[in-house]
């Protein structure tokens, strides 16, 4: 997934957030798409979260890759 995302010129990201009966809530699922492929990342699995943290940080920080958010990110990031 990381190699394909790094090669993409643009990616779309959708985040699913759980906040029922919790003040802060947490991210549960991340959907990432390129023009060719879709990826679903289960953020409830600690090993998955840990393994993608640095890689996705590099991709999201890369100014050459256009990022499109398909969700109300303000709600997710609050």
PDB file of N, CA and C in Angstrom:
ATOM      1  N   UNK A   1       0.816  -1.182   0.000  1.00  0.00           N
ATOM      2  CA  UNK A   1       0.000   0.000   0.000  1.00  0.00           C
ATOM      3  C   UNK A   1       0.872   1.262   0.000  1.00  0.00           C
ATOM      4  N   UNK A   2       1.878   1.304   0.854  1.00  0.00           N
ATOM      5  CA  UNK A   2       2.710   2.509   0.978  1.00  0.00           C
ATOM      6  C   UNK A   2       3.397   2.864  -0.333  1.00  0.00           C
ATOM      7  N   UNK A   3       3.920   1.868  -1.016  1.00  0.00           N
ATOM      8  CA  UNK A   3       4.602   2.119  -2.285  1.00  0.00           C
ATOM      9  C   UNK A   3       3.644   2.716  -3.312  1.00  0.00           C
ATOM     10  N   UNK A   4       2.435   2.181  -3.364  1.00  0.00           N
ATOM     11  CA  UNK A   4       1.449   2.683  -4.315  1.00  0.00           C
ATOM     12  C   UNK A   4       0.998   4.099  -3.948  1.00  0.00           C
ATOM     13  N   UNK A   5       0.841   4.381  -2.664  1.00  0.00           N
ATOM     14  CA  UNK A   5       0.440   5.723  -2.249  1.00  0.00           C
ATOM     15  C   UNK A   5       1.538   6.747  -2.506  1.00  0.00           C
ATOM     16  N   UNK A   6       2.790   6.363  -2.284  1.00  0.00           N
ATOM     17  CA  UNK A   6       3.903   7.279  -2.535  1.00  0.00           C
ATOM     18  C   UNK A   6       4.038   7.617  -4.017  1.00  0.00           C
ATOM     19  N   UNK A   7       3.621   6.695  -4.886  1.00  0.00           N
ATOM     20  CA  UNK A   7       3.719   6.917  -6.329  1.00  0.00           C
ATOM     21  C   UNK A   7       2.532   7.705  -6.880  1.00  0.00           C
ATOM     22  N   UNK A   8       1.481   7.865  -6.095  1.00  0.00           N
ATOM     23  CA  UNK A   8       0.275   8.550  -6.573  1.00  0.00           C
ATOM     24  C   UNK A   8       0.471  10.058  -6.605  1.00  0.00           C
ATOM     25  N   UNK A   9      -0.193  10.702  -7.554  1.00  0.00           N
ATOM     26  CA  UNK A   9      -0.157  12.165  -7.631  1.00  0.00           C
ATOM     27  C   UNK A   9      -1.223  12.785  -6.743  1.00  0.00           C
ATOM     28  N   UNK A  10      -2.301  12.025  -6.494  1.00  0.00           N
ATOM     29  CA  UNK A  10      -3.351  12.477  -5.591  1.00  0.00           C
ATOM     30  C   UNK A  10      -3.958  11.268  -4.888  1.00  0.00           C
ATOM     31  N   UNK A  11      -4.403  11.496  -3.655  1.00  0.00           N
ATOM     32  CA  UNK A  11      -5.081  10.451  -2.894  1.00  0.00           C
ATOM     33  C   UNK A  11      -6.321  11.048  -2.231  1.00  0.00           C
ATOM     34  N   UNK A  12      -7.291  10.193  -1.983  1.00  0.00           N
ATOM     35  CA  UNK A  12      -8.493  10.593  -1.265  1.00  0.00           C
ATOM     36  C   UNK A  12      -8.524   9.816   0.048  1.00  0.00           C
ATOM     37  N   UNK A  13      -8.930  10.496   1.115  1.00  0.00           N
ATOM     38  CA  UNK A  13      -8.921   9.883   2.442  1.00  0.00           C
ATOM     39  C   UNK A  13     -10.275  10.100   3.104  1.00  0.00           C
ATOM     40  N   UNK A  14     -10.811   9.039   3.694  1.00  0.00           N
ATOM     41  CA  UNK A  14     -12.044   9.117   4.471  1.00  0.00           C
ATOM     42  C   UNK A  14     -11.779   8.427   5.804  1.00  0.00           C
ATOM     43  N   UNK A  15     -12.137   9.088   6.881  1.00  0.00           N
ATOM     44  CA  UNK A  15     -11.916   8.550   8.225  1.00  0.00           C
ATOM     45  C   UNK A  15     -13.251   8.281   8.906  1.00  0.00           C
ATOM     46  N   UNK A  16     -13.315   7.156   9.596  1.00  0.00           N
ATOM     47  CA  UNK A  16     -14.494   6.826  10.388  1.00  0.00           C
ATOM     48  C   UNK A  16     -14.112   6.923  11.855  1.00  0.00           C
ATOM     49  N   UNK A  17     -14.896   7.665  12.593  1.00  0.00           N
ATOM     50  CA  UNK A  17     -14.596   8.015  13.977  1.00  0.00           C
ATOM     51  C   UNK A  17     -15.689   7.474  14.890  1.00  0.00           C
ATOM     52  N   UNK A  18     -15.303   6.889  16.014  1.00  0.00           N
ATOM     53  CA  UNK A  18     -16.265   6.378  16.984  1.00  0.00           C
ATOM     54  C   UNK A  18     -16.288   7.312  18.190  1.00  0.00           C
ATOM     55  N   UNK A  19     -17.469   7.828  18.517  1.00  0.00           N
ATOM     56  CA  UNK A  19     -17.538   8.725  19.673  1.00  0.00           C
ATOM     57  C   UNK A  19     -18.742   8.429  20.567  1.00  0.00           C
ATOM     58  N   UNK A  20     -19.400   7.309  20.350  1.00  0.00           N
ATOM     59  CA  UNK A  20     -20.553   6.952  21.168  1.00  0.00           C
ATOM     60  C   UNK A  20     -20.107   6.623  22.590  1.00  0.00           C
ATOM     61  N   UNK A  21     -20.670   7.311  23.553  1.00  0.00           N
ATOM     62  CA  UNK A  21     -20.374   7.121  24.978  1.00  0.00           C
ATOM     63  C   UNK A  21     -18.909   7.377  25.332  1.00  0.00           C
ATOM     64  N   UNK A  22     -18.302   8.273  24.620  1.00  0.00           N
ATOM     65  CA  UNK A  22     -16.921   8.651  24.931  1.00  0.00           C
ATOM     66  C   UNK A  22     -16.748  10.133  24.616  1.00  0.00           C
ATOM     67  N   UNK A  23     -15.953  10.832  25.406  1.00  0.00           N
ATOM     68  CA  UNK A  23     -15.753  12.264  25.214  1.00  0.00           C
ATOM     69  C   UNK A  23     -14.881  12.540  23.990  1.00  0.00           C
ATOM     70  N   UNK A  24     -13.731  11.916  23.935  1.00  0.00           N
ATOM     71  CA  UNK A  24     -12.785  12.198  22.853  1.00  0.00           C
ATOM     72  C   UNK A  24     -13.018  11.350  21.623  1.00  0.00           C
ATOM     73  N   UNK A  25     -13.427  10.126  21.810  1.00  0.00           N
ATOM     74  CA  UNK A  25     -13.602   9.235  20.675  1.00  0.00           C
ATOM     75  C   UNK A  25     -12.272   8.760  20.113  1.00  0.00           C
ATOM     76  N   UNK A  26     -12.333   8.008  19.032  1.00  0.00           N
ATOM     77  CA  UNK A  26     -11.114   7.499  18.407  1.00  0.00           C
ATOM     78  C   UNK A  26     -11.409   7.100  16.969  1.00  0.00           C
ATOM     79  N   UNK A  27     -10.353   7.074  16.170  1.00  0.00           N
ATOM     80  CA  UNK A  27     -10.490   6.653  14.775  1.00  0.00           C
ATOM     81  C   UNK A  27     -10.585   5.137  14.711  1.00  0.00           C
ATOM     82  N   UNK A  28     -11.498   4.650  13.893  1.00  0.00           N
ATOM     83  CA  UNK A  28     -11.713   3.214  13.756  1.00  0.00           C
ATOM     84  C   UNK A  28     -11.244   2.676  12.404  1.00  0.00           C
ATOM     85  N   UNK A  29     -11.469   3.459  11.370  1.00  0.00           N
ATOM     86  CA  UNK A  29     -11.252   2.964  10.017  1.00  0.00           C
ATOM     87  C   UNK A  29     -10.762   4.100   9.135  1.00  0.00           C
ATOM     88  N   UNK A  30      -9.808   3.790   8.279  1.00  0.00           N
ATOM     89  CA  UNK A  30      -9.315   4.759   7.304  1.00  0.00           C
ATOM     90  C   UNK A  30      -9.466   4.146   5.918  1.00  0.00           C
ATOM     91  N   UNK A  31     -10.077   4.885   5.036  1.00  0.00           N
ATOM     92  CA  UNK A  31     -10.204   4.465   3.651  1.00  0.00           C
ATOM     93  C   UNK A  31      -9.358   5.412   2.807  1.00  0.00           C
ATOM     94  N   UNK A  32      -8.449   4.858   2.046  1.00  0.00           N
ATOM     95  CA  UNK A  32      -7.552   5.655   1.209  1.00  0.00           C
ATOM     96  C   UNK A  32      -7.674   5.148  -0.224  1.00  0.00           C
ATOM     97  N   UNK A  33      -7.791   6.072  -1.153  1.00  0.00           N
ATOM     98  CA  UNK A  33      -7.923   5.690  -2.559  1.00  0.00           C
ATOM     99  C   UNK A  33      -6.954   6.468  -3.423  1.00  0.00           C
ATOM    100  N   UNK A  34      -6.418   5.783  -4.413  1.00  0.00           N
ATOM    101  CA  UNK A  34      -5.730   6.431  -5.525  1.00  0.00           C
ATOM    102  C   UNK A  34      -6.700   6.346  -6.694  1.00  0.00           C
ATOM    103  N   UNK A  35      -6.287   6.794  -7.848  1.00  0.00           N
ATOM    104  CA  UNK A  35      -7.174   6.684  -9.016  1.00  0.00           C
ATOM    105  C   UNK A  35      -7.314   5.232  -9.473  1.00  0.00           C
ATOM    106  N   UNK A  36      -6.383   4.380  -9.057  1.00  0.00           N
ATOM    107  CA  UNK A  36      -6.396   2.993  -9.505  1.00  0.00           C
ATOM    108  C   UNK A  36      -6.857   1.986  -8.462  1.00  0.00           C
ATOM    109  N   UNK A  37      -6.736   2.326  -7.175  1.00  0.00           N
ATOM    110  CA  UNK A  37      -6.946   1.305  -6.146  1.00  0.00           C
ATOM    111  C   UNK A  37      -7.476   1.910  -4.852  1.00  0.00           C
ATOM    112  N   UNK A  38      -8.211   1.097  -4.101  1.00  0.00           N
ATOM    113  CA  UNK A  38      -8.749   1.497  -2.802  1.00  0.00           C
ATOM    114  C   UNK A  38      -8.137   0.639  -1.707  1.00  0.00           C
ATOM    115  N   UNK A  39      -7.914   1.264  -0.543  1.00  0.00           N
ATOM    116  CA  UNK A  39      -7.356   0.558   0.606  1.00  0.00           C
ATOM    117  C   UNK A  39      -8.223   0.847   1.827  1.00  0.00           C
ATOM    118  N   UNK A  40      -8.433  -0.163   2.654  1.00  0.00           N
ATOM    119  CA  UNK A  40      -9.140   0.004   3.911  1.00  0.00           C
ATOM    120  C   UNK A  40      -8.180  -0.387   5.028  1.00  0.00           C
ATOM    121  N   UNK A  41      -8.020   0.503   6.000  1.00  0.00           N
ATOM    122  CA  UNK A  41      -7.081   0.277   7.106  1.00  0.00           C
ATOM    123  C   UNK A  41      -7.878   0.204   8.404  1.00  0.00           C
ATOM    124  N   UNK A  42      -7.787  -0.922   9.088  1.00  0.00           N
ATOM    125  CA  UNK A  42      -8.480  -1.132  10.358  1.00  0.00           C
ATOM    126  C   UNK A  42      -7.636  -0.535  11.479  1.00  0.00           C
ATOM    127  N   UNK A  43      -8.007   0.644  11.938  1.00  0.00           N
ATOM    128  CA  UNK A  43      -7.220   1.350  12.947  1.00  0.00           C
ATOM    129  C   UNK A  43      -7.468   0.851  14.365  1.00  0.00           C
ATOM    130  N   UNK A  44      -8.355  -0.114  14.528  1.00  0.00           N
ATOM    131  CA  UNK A  44      -8.584  -0.695  15.849  1.00  0.00           C
ATOM    132  C   UNK A  44      -7.523  -1.733  16.209  1.00  0.00           C
ATOM    133  N   UNK A  45      -6.764  -2.185  15.225  1.00  0.00           N
ATOM    134  CA  UNK A  45      -5.712  -3.173  15.453  1.00  0.00           C
ATOM    135  C   UNK A  45      -4.412  -2.433  15.777  1.00  0.00           C
ATOM    136  N   UNK A  46      -3.911  -2.550  17.011  1.00  0.00           N
ATOM    137  CA  UNK A  46      -2.716  -1.794  17.409  1.00  0.00           C
ATOM    138  C   UNK A  46      -1.511  -2.021  16.499  1.00  0.00           C
ATOM    139  N   UNK A  47      -1.280  -3.246  16.058  1.00  0.00           N
ATOM    140  CA  UNK A  47      -0.114  -3.503  15.205  1.00  0.00           C
ATOM    141  C   UNK A  47      -0.246  -2.803  13.853  1.00  0.00           C
ATOM    142  N   UNK A  48      -1.463  -2.687  13.353  1.00  0.00           N
ATOM    143  CA  UNK A  48      -1.697  -1.965  12.086  1.00  0.00           C
ATOM    144  C   UNK A  48      -1.419  -0.487  12.292  1.00  0.00           C
ATOM    145  N   UNK A  49      -1.977   0.083  13.361  1.00  0.00           N
ATOM    146  CA  UNK A  49      -1.741   1.504  13.659  1.00  0.00           C
ATOM    147  C   UNK A  49      -0.258   1.800  13.760  1.00  0.00           C
ATOM    148  N   UNK A  50       0.457   0.959  14.496  1.00  0.00           N
ATOM    149  CA  UNK A  50       1.888   1.191  14.698  1.00  0.00           C
ATOM    150  C   UNK A  50       2.684   1.056  13.404  1.00  0.00           C
ATOM    151  N   UNK A  51       2.302   0.107  12.556  1.00  0.00           N
ATOM    152  CA  UNK A  51       3.096  -0.133  11.348  1.00  0.00           C
ATOM    153  C   UNK A  51       2.893   0.937  10.276  1.00  0.00           C
ATOM    154  N   UNK A  52       1.757   1.614  10.278  1.00  0.00           N
ATOM    155  CA  UNK A  52       1.518   2.603   9.221  1.00  0.00           C
ATOM    156  C   UNK A  52       1.785   4.035   9.645  1.00  0.00           C
ATOM    157  N   UNK A  53       1.970   4.258  10.926  1.00  0.00           N
ATOM    158  CA  UNK A  53       2.087   5.630  11.443  1.00  0.00           C
ATOM    159  C   UNK A  53       3.141   6.454  10.709  1.00  0.00           C
ATOM    160  N   UNK A  54       4.363   5.992  10.659  1.00  0.00           N
ATOM    161  CA  UNK A  54       5.436   6.771  10.033  1.00  0.00           C
ATOM    162  C   UNK A  54       5.275   6.857   8.519  1.00  0.00           C
ATOM    163  N   UNK A  55       4.875   5.752   7.918  1.00  0.00           N
ATOM    164  CA  UNK A  55       4.724   5.724   6.462  1.00  0.00           C
ATOM    165  C   UNK A  55       3.651   6.700   6.006  1.00  0.00           C
ATOM    166  N   UNK A  56       2.499   6.659   6.645  1.00  0.00           N
ATOM    167  CA  UNK A  56       1.435   7.577   6.243  1.00  0.00           C
ATOM    168  C   UNK A  56       1.782   9.016   6.585  1.00  0.00           C
ATOM    169  N   UNK A  57       2.539   9.218   7.649  1.00  0.00           N
ATOM    170  CA  UNK A  57       2.984  10.570   7.982  1.00  0.00           C
ATOM    171  C   UNK A  57       3.808  11.168   6.857  1.00  0.00           C
ATOM    172  N   UNK A  58       4.696  10.379   6.288  1.00  0.00           N
ATOM    173  CA  UNK A  58       5.517  10.837   5.159  1.00  0.00           C
ATOM    174  C   UNK A  58       4.645  11.158   3.946  1.00  0.00           C
ATOM    175  N   UNK A  59       3.677  10.305   3.681  1.00  0.00           N
ATOM    176  CA  UNK A  59       2.802  10.506   2.523  1.00  0.00           C
ATOM    177  C   UNK A  59       1.945  11.756   2.718  1.00  0.00           C
ATOM    178  N   UNK A  60       1.354  11.916   3.899  1.00  0.00           N
ATOM    179  CA  UNK A  60       0.497  13.070   4.151  1.00  0.00           C
ATOM    180  C   UNK A  60       1.293  14.378   4.185  1.00  0.00           C
ATOM    181  N   UNK A  61       2.563  14.310   4.518  1.00  0.00           N
ATOM    182  CA  UNK A  61       3.401  15.508   4.571  1.00  0.00           C
ATOM    183  C   UNK A  61       4.012  15.862   3.212  1.00  0.00           C
ATOM    184  N   UNK A  62       3.938  14.969   2.260  1.00  0.00           N
ATOM    185  CA  UNK A  62       4.546  15.192   0.943  1.00  0.00           C
ATOM    186  C   UNK A  62       3.734  16.238   0.165  1.00  0.00           C
ATOM    187  N   UNK A  63       4.328  17.409  -0.118  1.00  0.00           N
ATOM    188  CA  UNK A  63       3.591  18.455  -0.824  1.00  0.00           C
ATOM    189  C   UNK A  63       3.318  18.118  -2.298  1.00  0.00           C
ATOM    190  N   UNK A  64       3.962  17.108  -2.830  1.00  0.00           N
ATOM    191  CA  UNK A  64       3.759  16.719  -4.220  1.00  0.00           C
ATOM    192  C   UNK A  64       2.514  15.844  -4.401  1.00  0.00           C
ATOM    193  N   UNK A  65       1.971  15.337  -3.314  1.00  0.00           N
ATOM    194  CA  UNK A  65       0.774  14.497  -3.379  1.00  0.00           C
ATOM    195  C   UNK A  65      -0.424  15.331  -2.923  1.00  0.00           C
ATOM    196  N   UNK A  66      -1.416  15.449  -3.781  1.00  0.00           N
ATOM    197  CA  UNK A  66      -2.637  16.173  -3.437  1.00  0.00           C
ATOM    198  C   UNK A  66      -3.503  15.253  -2.578  1.00  0.00           C
ATOM    199  N   UNK A  67      -3.967  15.780  -1.430  1.00  0.00           N
ATOM    200  CA  UNK A  67      -4.812  15.005  -0.538  1.00  0.00           C
ATOM    201  C   UNK A  67      -6.223  15.585  -0.556  1.00  0.00           C
ATOM    202  N   UNK A  68      -7.211  14.711  -0.707  1.00  0.00           N
ATOM    203  CA  UNK A  68      -8.607  15.122  -0.701  1.00  0.00           C
ATOM    204  C   UNK A  68      -9.286  14.395   0.445  1.00  0.00           C
ATOM    205  N   UNK A  69      -9.905  15.152   1.331  1.00  0.00           N
ATOM    206  CA  UNK A  69     -10.625  14.558   2.455  1.00  0.00           C
ATOM    207  C   UNK A  69     -12.084  14.400   2.067  1.00  0.00           C
ATOM    208  N   UNK A  70     -12.616  13.209   2.253  1.00  0.00           N
ATOM    209  CA  UNK A  70     -14.001  12.936   1.891  1.00  0.00           C
ATOM    210  C   UNK A  70     -14.910  12.937   3.106  1.00  0.00           C
ATOM    211  N   UNK A  71     -14.411  13.413   4.205  1.00  0.00           N
ATOM    212  CA  UNK A  71     -15.152  13.392   5.466  1.00  0.00           C
ATOM    213  C   UNK A  71     -14.981  14.736   6.158  1.00  0.00           C
ATOM    214  N   UNK A  72     -15.804  15.027   7.085  1.00  0.00           N
ATOM    215  CA  UNK A  72     -15.678  16.261   7.849  1.00  0.00           C
ATOM    216  C   UNK A  72     -14.501  16.107   8.816  1.00  0.00           C
ATOM    217  N   UNK A  73     -13.314  16.406   8.369  1.00  0.00           N
ATOM    218  CA  UNK A  73     -12.111  16.196   9.166  1.00  0.00           C
ATOM    219  C   UNK A  73     -12.105  17.015  10.438  1.00  0.00           C
ATOM    220  N   UNK A  74     -12.768  18.163  10.441  1.00  0.00           N
ATOM    221  CA  UNK A  74     -12.808  18.972  11.646  1.00  0.00           C
ATOM    222  C   UNK A  74     -13.425  18.189  12.799  1.00  0.00           C
ATOM    223  N   UNK A  75     -14.472  17.447  12.521  1.00  0.00           N
ATOM    224  CA  UNK A  75     -15.113  16.634  13.555  1.00  0.00           C
ATOM    225  C   UNK A  75     -14.171  15.537  14.035  1.00  0.00           C
ATOM    226  N   UNK A  76     -13.480  14.912  13.102  1.00  0.00           N
ATOM    227  CA  UNK A  76     -12.587  13.812  13.433  1.00  0.00           C
ATOM    228  C   UNK A  76     -11.402  14.299  14.266  1.00  0.00           C
ATOM    229  N   UNK A  77     -10.875  15.444  13.915  1.00  0.00           N
ATOM    230  CA  UNK A  77      -9.659  15.912  14.578  1.00  0.00           C
ATOM    231  C   UNK A  77      -9.912  16.660  15.879  1.00  0.00           C
ATOM    232  N   UNK A  78     -11.129  17.010  16.186  1.00  0.00           N
ATOM    233  CA  UNK A  78     -11.430  17.686  17.448  1.00  0.00           C
ATOM    234  C   UNK A  78     -11.254  16.775  18.630  1.00  0.00           C
TER     235      UNK A  78
END
